[in-house]
Each structure stands twice: as C-alpha cells, then as structure tokens.
Amino acid sequence: MRIVEPVQFALDDLAMKVFLEAINLAGGPRKLIEYRRLTWLPSLAEAAYAVVLANEEKKTEEEIAAFLGMTKVSVRNILRANPEDVLKRLEGDMKGQRRSHIAGGLAKLAYERVKGA
C-alpha cells in the first residue's frame, strides 16, 4: 500500500476547489453544456493544477509541465493568462483585447477567489 503525503491531499483539494470555481466562473455546468464547451473541462483541470502548483509549491514551468504531461509553452500560456481579458471574452466583448488562455485566466481568477474566501 502506497502512503500519500498530507501535502498532496491538500494540493489535490485546493486544485479541485479552483477547478469547481473556474466552472462556476464559466457559467456553471449547464452553460458549458448549452454552449457545447464540455471540451473545456480537461483544460480547466490542468490549468487549476498549474496555478495551484505555481502559487502554492512555487514550481517552475518545467516542473509543472512534467507533472501534468504538458509542454512548457502550454504551462507558460496558462500562467500568463490575463483573467480580465478572459472575463471580457466570455461576456462577448473582445474589442481591443489580446487573446488570452481561457482556462488559464479562469483558473487564476478562481484561485484568487478560493484563497480569498
């Protein structure tokens, strides 16, 4: 039997809270279904973990990429996403806004809300 460290459980729990809050920020499960955005769920899960690992464990892009099985560029895009740009994009107002990683922006905003709660 493998023993899992308490820290790992705490990170898993925090990542799950961030993931669920990101879904709520996107409009909740019903909105994701209505707009055929269920494909966002894996990206939101990865982004939630990336944001938690970067903020809580101070992991590097390389370490996060290796842990999640992603490229370093993908992790960088998540961590550099602008939450305000993402919210405007979800609201349909992209005038003059640069493109930002949606899942990353949602995860960053969700992390801030979860940690502030």
N, C-alpha and C. Protein backbone atom coordinates (compact mmCIF):
# COMPACT_ATOMS: atom_id res chain seq x y z
N MET A 1 0.83 -1.17 0.00
CA MET A 1 0.00 0.00 0.00
C MET A 1 0.89 1.24 0.00
N ARG A 2 0.56 2.17 -0.89
CA ARG A 2 1.31 3.42 -1.01
C ARG A 2 0.72 4.47 -0.09
N ILE A 3 1.57 5.12 0.67
CA ILE A 3 1.11 6.18 1.57
C ILE A 3 1.26 7.51 0.85
N VAL A 4 0.19 8.30 0.85
CA VAL A 4 0.19 9.59 0.18
C VAL A 4 0.41 10.67 1.24
N GLU A 5 1.31 11.57 0.94
CA GLU A 5 1.63 12.65 1.86
C GLU A 5 0.42 13.57 2.06
N PRO A 6 0.23 14.11 3.27
CA PRO A 6 -0.86 15.06 3.52
C PRO A 6 -0.78 16.29 2.63
N VAL A 7 0.41 16.73 2.29
CA VAL A 7 0.57 17.89 1.42
C VAL A 7 -0.07 17.62 0.07
N GLN A 8 0.09 16.41 -0.45
CA GLN A 8 -0.50 16.06 -1.73
C GLN A 8 -2.03 16.16 -1.66
N PHE A 9 -2.61 15.68 -0.56
CA PHE A 9 -4.06 15.78 -0.40
C PHE A 9 -4.49 17.23 -0.37
N ALA A 10 -3.74 18.06 0.33
CA ALA A 10 -4.07 19.49 0.42
C ALA A 10 -4.01 20.13 -0.96
N LEU A 11 -3.00 19.79 -1.76
CA LEU A 11 -2.90 20.34 -3.12
C LEU A 11 -4.03 19.84 -4.00
N ASP A 12 -4.34 18.55 -3.89
CA ASP A 12 -5.46 18.00 -4.66
C ASP A 12 -6.77 18.69 -4.30
N ASP A 13 -6.99 18.90 -3.01
CA ASP A 13 -8.21 19.55 -2.54
C ASP A 13 -8.29 20.99 -3.06
N LEU A 14 -7.19 21.71 -2.98
CA LEU A 14 -7.16 23.09 -3.45
C LEU A 14 -7.37 23.14 -4.97
N ALA A 15 -6.71 22.26 -5.70
CA ALA A 15 -6.88 22.22 -7.16
C ALA A 15 -8.33 21.92 -7.53
N MET A 16 -8.97 21.04 -6.78
CA MET A 16 -10.38 20.72 -7.04
C MET A 16 -11.27 21.93 -6.77
N LYS A 17 -11.00 22.65 -5.69
CA LYS A 17 -11.78 23.85 -5.39
C LYS A 17 -11.61 24.90 -6.48
N VAL A 18 -10.38 25.06 -6.96
CA VAL A 18 -10.10 26.01 -8.04
C VAL A 18 -10.82 25.57 -9.31
N PHE A 19 -10.76 24.29 -9.62
CA PHE A 19 -11.43 23.74 -10.80
C PHE A 19 -12.94 24.01 -10.76
N LEU A 20 -13.56 23.73 -9.62
CA LEU A 20 -15.01 23.94 -9.49
C LEU A 20 -15.37 25.42 -9.57
N GLU A 21 -14.55 26.28 -8.98
CA GLU A 21 -14.82 27.71 -9.06
C GLU A 21 -14.65 28.20 -10.50
N ALA A 22 -13.68 27.66 -11.22
CA ALA A 22 -13.48 28.04 -12.63
C ALA A 22 -14.71 27.65 -13.46
N ILE A 23 -15.27 26.49 -13.17
CA ILE A 23 -16.50 26.07 -13.87
C ILE A 23 -17.62 27.06 -13.56
N ASN A 24 -17.75 27.46 -12.32
CA ASN A 24 -18.77 28.44 -11.95
C ASN A 24 -18.55 29.76 -12.66
N LEU A 25 -17.30 30.20 -12.76
CA LEU A 25 -16.99 31.45 -13.45
C LEU A 25 -17.34 31.38 -14.93
N ALA A 26 -17.24 30.19 -15.49
CA ALA A 26 -17.57 30.00 -16.91
C ALA A 26 -19.08 29.93 -17.13
N GLY A 27 -19.84 30.00 -16.05
CA GLY A 27 -21.30 29.97 -16.17
C GLY A 27 -21.93 28.73 -15.59
N GLY A 28 -21.12 27.85 -15.05
CA GLY A 28 -21.63 26.63 -14.44
C GLY A 28 -21.74 25.50 -15.46
N PRO A 29 -22.01 24.30 -14.98
CA PRO A 29 -22.06 23.15 -15.88
C PRO A 29 -23.13 23.27 -16.97
N ARG A 30 -24.25 23.86 -16.62
CA ARG A 30 -25.33 24.00 -17.61
C ARG A 30 -24.89 24.87 -18.78
N LYS A 31 -24.20 25.99 -18.49
CA LYS A 31 -23.72 26.86 -19.57
C LYS A 31 -22.71 26.13 -20.44
N LEU A 32 -21.82 25.37 -19.81
CA LEU A 32 -20.83 24.62 -20.59
C LEU A 32 -21.52 23.64 -21.53
N ILE A 33 -22.61 23.03 -21.06
CA ILE A 33 -23.36 22.10 -21.90
C ILE A 33 -24.10 22.86 -23.00
N GLU A 34 -24.77 23.94 -22.63
CA GLU A 34 -25.54 24.73 -23.61
C GLU A 34 -24.66 25.24 -24.74
N TYR A 35 -23.49 25.71 -24.39
CA TYR A 35 -22.60 26.29 -25.41
C TYR A 35 -21.61 25.27 -25.98
N ARG A 36 -21.86 24.00 -25.68
CA ARG A 36 -21.01 22.92 -26.21
C ARG A 36 -19.54 23.15 -25.86
N ARG A 37 -19.30 23.48 -24.61
CA ARG A 37 -17.95 23.77 -24.13
C ARG A 37 -17.44 22.71 -23.15
N LEU A 38 -18.01 21.51 -23.20
CA LEU A 38 -17.54 20.45 -22.31
C LEU A 38 -16.08 20.10 -22.55
N THR A 39 -15.60 20.40 -23.74
CA THR A 39 -14.18 20.15 -24.04
C THR A 39 -13.27 21.05 -23.21
N TRP A 40 -13.82 22.07 -22.56
CA TRP A 40 -13.03 22.95 -21.70
C TRP A 40 -12.64 22.26 -20.39
N LEU A 41 -13.37 21.25 -19.97
CA LEU A 41 -13.15 20.65 -18.66
C LEU A 41 -11.74 20.12 -18.45
N PRO A 42 -11.16 19.36 -19.38
CA PRO A 42 -9.77 18.92 -19.16
C PRO A 42 -8.79 20.10 -19.07
N SER A 43 -9.00 21.11 -19.89
CA SER A 43 -8.13 22.29 -19.84
C SER A 43 -8.28 23.03 -18.53
N LEU A 44 -9.50 23.12 -18.02
CA LEU A 44 -9.71 23.77 -16.73
C LEU A 44 -9.05 22.99 -15.60
N ALA A 45 -9.10 21.66 -15.67
CA ALA A 45 -8.45 20.83 -14.64
C ALA A 45 -6.94 21.03 -14.67
N GLU A 46 -6.36 21.00 -15.87
CA GLU A 46 -4.91 21.22 -15.99
C GLU A 46 -4.52 22.62 -15.52
N ALA A 47 -5.30 23.61 -15.91
CA ALA A 47 -4.99 24.99 -15.53
C ALA A 47 -5.12 25.17 -14.02
N ALA A 48 -6.11 24.56 -13.41
CA ALA A 48 -6.28 24.65 -11.96
C ALA A 48 -5.05 24.09 -11.25
N TYR A 49 -4.60 22.92 -11.70
CA TYR A 49 -3.40 22.33 -11.10
C TYR A 49 -2.16 23.18 -11.35
N ALA A 50 -2.03 23.70 -12.56
CA ALA A 50 -0.86 24.52 -12.88
C ALA A 50 -0.79 25.75 -11.99
N VAL A 51 -1.92 26.42 -11.82
CA VAL A 51 -1.97 27.63 -10.99
C VAL A 51 -1.68 27.29 -9.53
N VAL A 52 -2.24 26.21 -9.04
CA VAL A 52 -2.00 25.80 -7.65
C VAL A 52 -0.53 25.44 -7.45
N LEU A 53 0.04 24.66 -8.35
CA LEU A 53 1.44 24.27 -8.22
C LEU A 53 2.38 25.48 -8.29
N ALA A 54 2.06 26.43 -9.15
CA ALA A 54 2.89 27.62 -9.29
C ALA A 54 2.81 28.49 -8.03
N ASN A 55 1.62 28.65 -7.50
CA ASN A 55 1.43 29.55 -6.36
C ASN A 55 1.71 28.92 -5.01
N GLU A 56 1.33 27.69 -4.84
CA GLU A 56 1.47 27.05 -3.53
C GLU A 56 2.83 26.37 -3.35
N GLU A 57 3.31 25.75 -4.40
CA GLU A 57 4.55 24.99 -4.32
C GLU A 57 5.73 25.69 -4.98
N LYS A 58 5.44 26.83 -5.61
CA LYS A 58 6.48 27.61 -6.32
C LYS A 58 7.22 26.75 -7.35
N LYS A 59 6.46 25.88 -8.01
CA LYS A 59 7.03 25.02 -9.05
C LYS A 59 7.33 25.85 -10.30
N THR A 60 8.37 25.45 -11.02
CA THR A 60 8.73 26.13 -12.27
C THR A 60 7.83 25.63 -13.40
N GLU A 61 7.87 26.34 -14.52
CA GLU A 61 7.11 25.90 -15.69
C GLU A 61 7.51 24.49 -16.09
N GLU A 62 8.80 24.20 -16.05
CA GLU A 62 9.30 22.88 -16.42
C GLU A 62 8.77 21.80 -15.48
N GLU A 63 8.78 22.08 -14.18
CA GLU A 63 8.29 21.10 -13.20
C GLU A 63 6.79 20.86 -13.36
N ILE A 64 6.05 21.93 -13.58
CA ILE A 64 4.60 21.80 -13.77
C ILE A 64 4.31 21.03 -15.04
N ALA A 65 5.02 21.35 -16.11
CA ALA A 65 4.83 20.65 -17.39
C ALA A 65 5.09 19.15 -17.24
N ALA A 66 6.15 18.81 -16.54
CA ALA A 66 6.48 17.39 -16.34
C ALA A 66 5.41 16.70 -15.49
N PHE A 67 4.94 17.35 -14.45
CA PHE A 67 3.93 16.78 -13.58
C PHE A 67 2.61 16.55 -14.31
N LEU A 68 2.21 17.52 -15.13
CA LEU A 68 0.92 17.45 -15.82
C LEU A 68 1.00 16.78 -17.19
N GLY A 69 2.20 16.51 -17.68
CA GLY A 69 2.33 15.90 -19.00
C GLY A 69 2.00 16.87 -20.11
N MET A 70 2.37 18.13 -19.90
CA MET A 70 2.09 19.20 -20.87
C MET A 70 3.41 19.77 -21.36
N THR A 71 3.32 20.62 -22.36
CA THR A 71 4.52 21.33 -22.80
C THR A 71 4.75 22.54 -21.90
N LYS A 72 5.98 22.97 -21.85
CA LYS A 72 6.33 24.16 -21.07
C LYS A 72 5.60 25.38 -21.62
N VAL A 73 5.45 25.44 -22.95
CA VAL A 73 4.75 26.57 -23.58
C VAL A 73 3.29 26.61 -23.13
N SER A 74 2.64 25.47 -23.04
CA SER A 74 1.25 25.42 -22.57
C SER A 74 1.14 25.93 -21.14
N VAL A 75 2.06 25.49 -20.29
CA VAL A 75 2.07 25.94 -18.90
C VAL A 75 2.30 27.45 -18.85
N ARG A 76 3.22 27.94 -19.64
CA ARG A 76 3.51 29.37 -19.68
C ARG A 76 2.26 30.15 -20.10
N ASN A 77 1.56 29.66 -21.10
CA ASN A 77 0.33 30.34 -21.55
C ASN A 77 -0.72 30.39 -20.45
N ILE A 78 -0.85 29.31 -19.69
CA ILE A 78 -1.79 29.27 -18.58
C ILE A 78 -1.40 30.31 -17.53
N LEU A 79 -0.13 30.30 -17.14
CA LEU A 79 0.32 31.17 -16.06
C LEU A 79 0.38 32.64 -16.44
N ARG A 80 0.44 32.93 -17.72
CA ARG A 80 0.48 34.32 -18.19
C ARG A 80 -0.89 34.85 -18.60
N ALA A 81 -1.90 34.02 -18.54
CA ALA A 81 -3.24 34.43 -18.97
C ALA A 81 -3.73 35.61 -18.13
N ASN A 82 -4.45 36.49 -18.79
CA ASN A 82 -4.99 37.67 -18.12
C ASN A 82 -6.46 37.41 -17.78
N PRO A 83 -6.79 37.27 -16.49
CA PRO A 83 -8.17 36.97 -16.11
C PRO A 83 -9.19 37.99 -16.60
N GLU A 84 -8.83 39.27 -16.61
CA GLU A 84 -9.77 40.29 -17.06
C GLU A 84 -10.09 40.13 -18.54
N ASP A 85 -9.08 39.83 -19.36
CA ASP A 85 -9.30 39.59 -20.78
C ASP A 85 -10.23 38.40 -20.99
N VAL A 86 -10.04 37.37 -20.18
CA VAL A 86 -10.86 36.16 -20.32
C VAL A 86 -12.31 36.46 -19.95
N LEU A 87 -12.53 37.21 -18.88
CA LEU A 87 -13.90 37.55 -18.50
C LEU A 87 -14.58 38.37 -19.59
N LYS A 88 -13.85 39.32 -20.18
CA LYS A 88 -14.42 40.11 -21.27
C LYS A 88 -14.73 39.23 -22.47
N ARG A 89 -13.87 38.28 -22.74
CA ARG A 89 -14.11 37.37 -23.86
C ARG A 89 -15.37 36.53 -23.62
N LEU A 90 -15.53 36.05 -22.40
CA LEU A 90 -16.72 35.26 -22.07
C LEU A 90 -17.99 36.10 -22.16
N GLU A 91 -17.86 37.37 -21.87
CA GLU A 91 -19.01 38.28 -21.97
C GLU A 91 -19.24 38.75 -23.40
N GLY A 92 -18.35 38.36 -24.31
CA GLY A 92 -18.51 38.70 -25.71
C GLY A 92 -17.96 40.05 -26.10
N ASP A 93 -17.19 40.67 -25.22
CA ASP A 93 -16.61 41.98 -25.51
C ASP A 93 -15.10 41.85 -25.68
N MET A 94 -14.67 41.61 -26.90
CA MET A 94 -13.25 41.43 -27.17
C MET A 94 -12.64 42.61 -27.90
N LYS A 95 -13.31 43.72 -27.94
CA LYS A 95 -12.79 44.88 -28.65
C LYS A 95 -11.45 45.31 -28.07
N GLY A 96 -10.42 45.26 -28.88
CA GLY A 96 -9.11 45.70 -28.46
C GLY A 96 -8.40 44.79 -27.46
N GLN A 97 -8.96 43.62 -27.20
CA GLN A 97 -8.35 42.71 -26.23
C GLN A 97 -7.44 41.70 -26.94
N ARG A 98 -6.31 41.46 -26.32
CA ARG A 98 -5.43 40.42 -26.87
C ARG A 98 -6.00 39.06 -26.48
N ARG A 99 -5.64 38.07 -27.25
CA ARG A 99 -6.11 36.73 -26.93
C ARG A 99 -5.40 36.19 -25.71
N SER A 100 -6.13 35.56 -24.84
CA SER A 100 -5.56 35.02 -23.61
C SER A 100 -6.05 33.59 -23.44
N HIS A 101 -5.30 32.80 -22.73
CA HIS A 101 -5.65 31.41 -22.47
C HIS A 101 -6.87 31.38 -21.56
N ILE A 102 -8.01 30.94 -22.08
CA ILE A 102 -9.27 30.98 -21.33
C ILE A 102 -9.19 30.17 -20.04
N ALA A 103 -8.78 28.92 -20.14
CA ALA A 103 -8.73 28.08 -18.94
C ALA A 103 -7.74 28.66 -17.93
N GLY A 104 -6.62 29.18 -18.41
CA GLY A 104 -5.64 29.77 -17.50
C GLY A 104 -6.18 30.99 -16.79
N GLY A 105 -6.85 31.86 -17.54
CA GLY A 105 -7.43 33.05 -16.93
C GLY A 105 -8.50 32.71 -15.92
N LEU A 106 -9.36 31.74 -16.25
CA LEU A 106 -10.40 31.31 -15.32
C LEU A 106 -9.78 30.69 -14.07
N ALA A 107 -8.75 29.87 -14.25
CA ALA A 107 -8.11 29.22 -13.11
C ALA A 107 -7.43 30.24 -12.20
N LYS A 108 -6.80 31.24 -12.79
CA LYS A 108 -6.15 32.27 -11.98
C LYS A 108 -7.18 33.06 -11.18
N LEU A 109 -8.27 33.43 -11.82
CA LEU A 109 -9.33 34.15 -11.12
C LEU A 109 -9.96 33.27 -10.05
N ALA A 110 -10.20 32.01 -10.38
CA ALA A 110 -10.78 31.07 -9.42
C ALA A 110 -9.85 30.87 -8.22
N TYR A 111 -8.55 30.78 -8.47
CA TYR A 111 -7.58 30.63 -7.38
C TYR A 111 -7.67 31.83 -6.44
N GLU A 112 -7.71 33.01 -7.00
CA GLU A 112 -7.81 34.23 -6.18
C GLU A 112 -9.08 34.22 -5.33
N ARG A 113 -10.18 33.79 -5.92
CA ARG A 113 -11.44 33.75 -5.17
C ARG A 113 -11.42 32.69 -4.08
N VAL A 114 -10.88 31.52 -4.40
CA VAL A 114 -10.81 30.43 -3.42
C VAL A 114 -9.89 30.82 -2.26
N LYS A 115 -8.77 31.40 -2.56
CA LYS A 115 -7.82 31.78 -1.50
C LYS A 115 -8.34 32.96 -0.68
N GLY A 116 -9.15 33.82 -1.30
CA GLY A 116 -9.70 34.96 -0.59
C GLY A 116 -10.89 34.61 0.28
N ALA A 117 -11.44 33.42 0.03
CA ALA A 117 -12.65 33.01 0.77
C ALA A 117 -12.32 32.50 2.16
